[in-house]
C-alpha atoms as a PDB file:
ATOM      1  CA  MET A   1      22.156  -8.392  49.874  1.00  0.00           C
ATOM      2  CA  LYS A   2      25.349  -6.549  48.992  1.00  0.00           C
ATOM      3  CA  THR A   3      25.833  -3.005  50.199  1.00  0.00           C
ATOM      4  CA  ILE A   4      27.376  -0.329  47.991  1.00  0.00           C
ATOM      5  CA  GLU A   5      30.534  -0.487  50.130  1.00  0.00           C
ATOM      6  CA  ASN A   6      30.893  -4.235  49.446  1.00  0.00           C
ATOM      7  CA  ILE A   7      30.356  -3.716  45.731  1.00  0.00           C
ATOM      8  CA  ILE A   8      33.055  -1.030  45.683  1.00  0.00           C
ATOM      9  CA  LYS A   9      35.523  -3.231  47.572  1.00  0.00           C
ATOM     10  CA  ASP A  10      34.771  -6.341  45.473  1.00  0.00           C
ATOM     11  CA  SER A  11      35.069  -4.594  42.073  1.00  0.00           C
ATOM     12  CA  GLU A  12      38.179  -5.482  40.108  1.00  0.00           C
ATOM     13  CA  GLU A  13      38.427  -1.953  38.768  1.00  0.00           C
ATOM     14  CA  ILE A  14      36.391   1.238  38.885  1.00  0.00           C
ATOM     15  CA  ILE A  15      36.339   3.594  35.927  1.00  0.00           C
ATOM     16  CA  ILE A  16      35.791   7.362  36.327  1.00  0.00           C
ATOM     17  CA  ILE A  17      34.098   8.909  33.296  1.00  0.00           C
ATOM     18  CA  SER A  18      34.174  12.690  32.977  1.00  0.00           C
ATOM     19  CA  GLY A  19      33.664  15.212  30.215  1.00  0.00           C
ATOM     20  CA  GLU A  20      31.256  17.501  28.458  1.00  0.00           C
ATOM     21  CA  GLY A  21      27.950  16.561  26.789  1.00  0.00           C
ATOM     22  CA  GLU A  22      27.753  13.053  25.368  1.00  0.00           C
ATOM     23  CA  MET A  23      31.505  12.531  25.144  1.00  0.00           C
ATOM     24  CA  GLY A  24      33.541  11.515  28.156  1.00  0.00           C
ATOM     25  CA  THR A  25      37.036  10.332  28.916  1.00  0.00           C
ATOM     26  CA  GLU A  26      37.606   7.167  30.897  1.00  0.00           C
ATOM     27  CA  GLU A  27      40.214   6.900  33.594  1.00  0.00           C
ATOM     28  CA  GLU A  28      40.857   4.016  35.988  1.00  0.00           C
ATOM     29  CA  TYR A  29      40.225   4.972  39.622  1.00  0.00           C
ATOM     30  CA  ASN A  30      43.137   3.909  41.828  1.00  0.00           C
ATOM     31  CA  GLY A  31      42.169   5.774  45.006  1.00  0.00           C
ATOM     32  CA  LYS A  32      40.829   4.537  48.301  1.00  0.00           C
ATOM     33  CA  ARG A  33      38.001   1.998  47.975  1.00  0.00           C
ATOM     34  CA  SER A  34      35.325   3.842  49.955  1.00  0.00           C
ATOM     35  CA  LEU A  35      32.080   5.533  49.018  1.00  0.00           C
ATOM     36  CA  ARG A  36      33.258   8.842  50.502  1.00  0.00           C
ATOM     37  CA  ALA A  37      36.538   8.796  48.546  1.00  0.00           C
ATOM     38  CA  ILE A  38      34.783   8.067  45.248  1.00  0.00           C
ATOM     39  CA  LYS A  39      32.197  10.808  45.893  1.00  0.00           C
ATOM     40  CA  LEU A  40      34.996  13.302  46.579  1.00  0.00           C
ATOM     41  CA  ARG A  41      36.766  12.280  43.347  1.00  0.00           C
ATOM     42  CA  LEU A  42      33.567  12.750  41.332  1.00  0.00           C
ATOM     43  CA  THR A  43      32.941  16.142  42.967  1.00  0.00           C
ATOM     44  CA  LYS A  44      36.475  17.171  42.011  1.00  0.00           C
ATOM     45  CA  GLU A  45      35.718  16.220  38.370  1.00  0.00           C
ATOM     46  CA  LYS A  46      32.574  18.386  38.331  1.00  0.00           C
ATOM     47  CA  CYS A  47      34.338  21.343  40.021  1.00  0.00           C
ATOM     48  CA  GLY A  48      37.080  21.144  37.396  1.00  0.00           C
ATOM     49  CA  GLY A  49      34.646  22.388  34.756  1.00  0.00           C
ATOM     50  CA  ASN A  50      33.345  19.040  33.557  1.00  0.00           C
ATOM     51  CA  SER A  51      29.578  18.829  33.411  1.00  0.00           C
ATOM     52  CA  MET A  52      29.628  15.062  33.746  1.00  0.00           C
ATOM     53  CA  GLY A  53      31.275  12.764  36.233  1.00  0.00           C
ATOM     54  CA  LYS A  54      30.305   9.168  37.009  1.00  0.00           C
ATOM     55  CA  ALA A  55      31.856   5.938  38.200  1.00  0.00           C
ATOM     56  CA  GLU A  56      31.194   2.512  36.728  1.00  0.00           C
ATOM     57  CA  LYS A  57      32.207  -0.964  37.762  1.00  0.00           C
ATOM     58  CA  THR A  58      33.541  -3.145  35.011  1.00  0.00           C
ATOM     59  CA  TRP A  59      32.020  -6.474  36.044  1.00  0.00           C
ATOM     60  CA  GLY A  60      28.574  -7.942  36.523  1.00  0.00           C
ATOM     61  CA  GLY A  61      25.373  -7.230  34.682  1.00  0.00           C
ATOM     62  CA  ALA A  62      23.007  -9.407  32.721  1.00  0.00           C
ATOM     63  CA  ARG A  63      24.421 -12.510  31.091  1.00  0.00           C
ATOM     64  CA  GLU A  64      23.348 -13.537  27.628  1.00  0.00           C
ATOM     65  CA  GLY A  65      20.796 -16.348  27.812  1.00  0.00           C
ATOM     66  CA  ALA A  66      20.169 -15.828  31.537  1.00  0.00           C
ATOM     67  CA  GLY A  67      16.693 -15.444  32.973  1.00  0.00           C
ATOM     68  CA  ARG A  68      13.289 -16.755  32.114  1.00  0.00           C
ATOM     69  CA  PRO A  69      12.621 -17.173  28.382  1.00  0.00           C
ATOM     70  CA  ALA A  70       9.954 -14.889  26.919  1.00  0.00           C
ATOM     71  CA  THR A  71       6.637 -16.563  26.130  1.00  0.00           C
ATOM     72  CA  GLY A  72       5.388 -13.828  23.828  1.00  0.00           C
ATOM     73  CA  ARG A  73       2.278 -13.471  25.957  1.00  0.00           C
ATOM     74  CA  LYS A  74       1.253 -10.251  27.676  1.00  0.00           C
ATOM     75  CA  ARG A  75      -1.575  -9.173  29.916  1.00  0.00           C
ATOM     76  CA  GLN A  76      -4.699  -7.977  28.138  1.00  0.00           C
ATOM     77  CA  TYR A  77      -7.746  -6.372  29.730  1.00  0.00           C
ATOM     78  CA  PHE A  78     -11.322  -6.842  28.532  1.00  0.00           C
ATOM     79  CA  TYR A  79     -14.676  -5.904  29.995  1.00  0.00           C
ATOM     80  CA  ILE A  80     -16.728  -9.062  29.538  1.00  0.00           C
ATOM     81  CA  THR A  81     -19.566 -10.917  31.213  1.00  0.00           C
ATOM     82  CA  ASP A  82     -19.008 -14.040  33.308  1.00  0.00           C
ATOM     83  CA  GLU A  83     -20.492 -16.137  30.499  1.00  0.00           C
ATOM     84  CA  GLU A  84     -18.091 -14.605  27.933  1.00  0.00           C
ATOM     85  CA  ASN A  85     -15.201 -15.181  30.329  1.00  0.00           C
ATOM     86  CA  GLU A  86     -16.071 -18.859  30.616  1.00  0.00           C
ATOM     87  CA  LYS A  87     -16.232 -19.264  26.832  1.00  0.00           C
ATOM     88  CA  LEU A  88     -12.921 -17.412  26.324  1.00  0.00           C
ATOM     89  CA  ARG A  89     -11.180 -19.648  28.871  1.00  0.00           C
ATOM     90  CA  GLU A  90     -12.485 -22.763  27.110  1.00  0.00           C
ATOM     91  CA  LEU A  91     -11.254 -21.395  23.777  1.00  0.00           C
ATOM     92  CA  LEU A  92      -7.825 -20.582  25.222  1.00  0.00           C
ATOM     93  CA  GLU A  93      -7.497 -24.096  26.641  1.00  0.00           C
ATOM     94  CA  LYS A  94      -8.164 -25.526  23.160  1.00  0.00           C
ATOM     95  CA  LEU A  95      -5.697 -23.108  21.500  1.00  0.00           C
ATOM     96  CA  ARG A  96      -2.905 -23.854  23.994  1.00  0.00           C
ATOM     97  CA  ALA A  97      -3.365 -27.649  23.948  1.00  0.00           C
END
């Protein structure tokens, strides 16, 4: 399991986003690669009058086509008797065959 410090050190680049409301300006972070240094930089952004300050890594994330394919099925809950349950299971076996 990677720690936040390892993620920071392994990132190719870190982007600082700061600004007001929904809009923000992006700036590449070139400072020291430590959690404390990045926190201080983000605090400086907020103290400078910006209501938003965050850091993002520019690598990783979900890959297209990765993961288990969706089956389209989802869990459903019914209050049924044991006899009804048995009949439903038989019906499902026939439908899925």
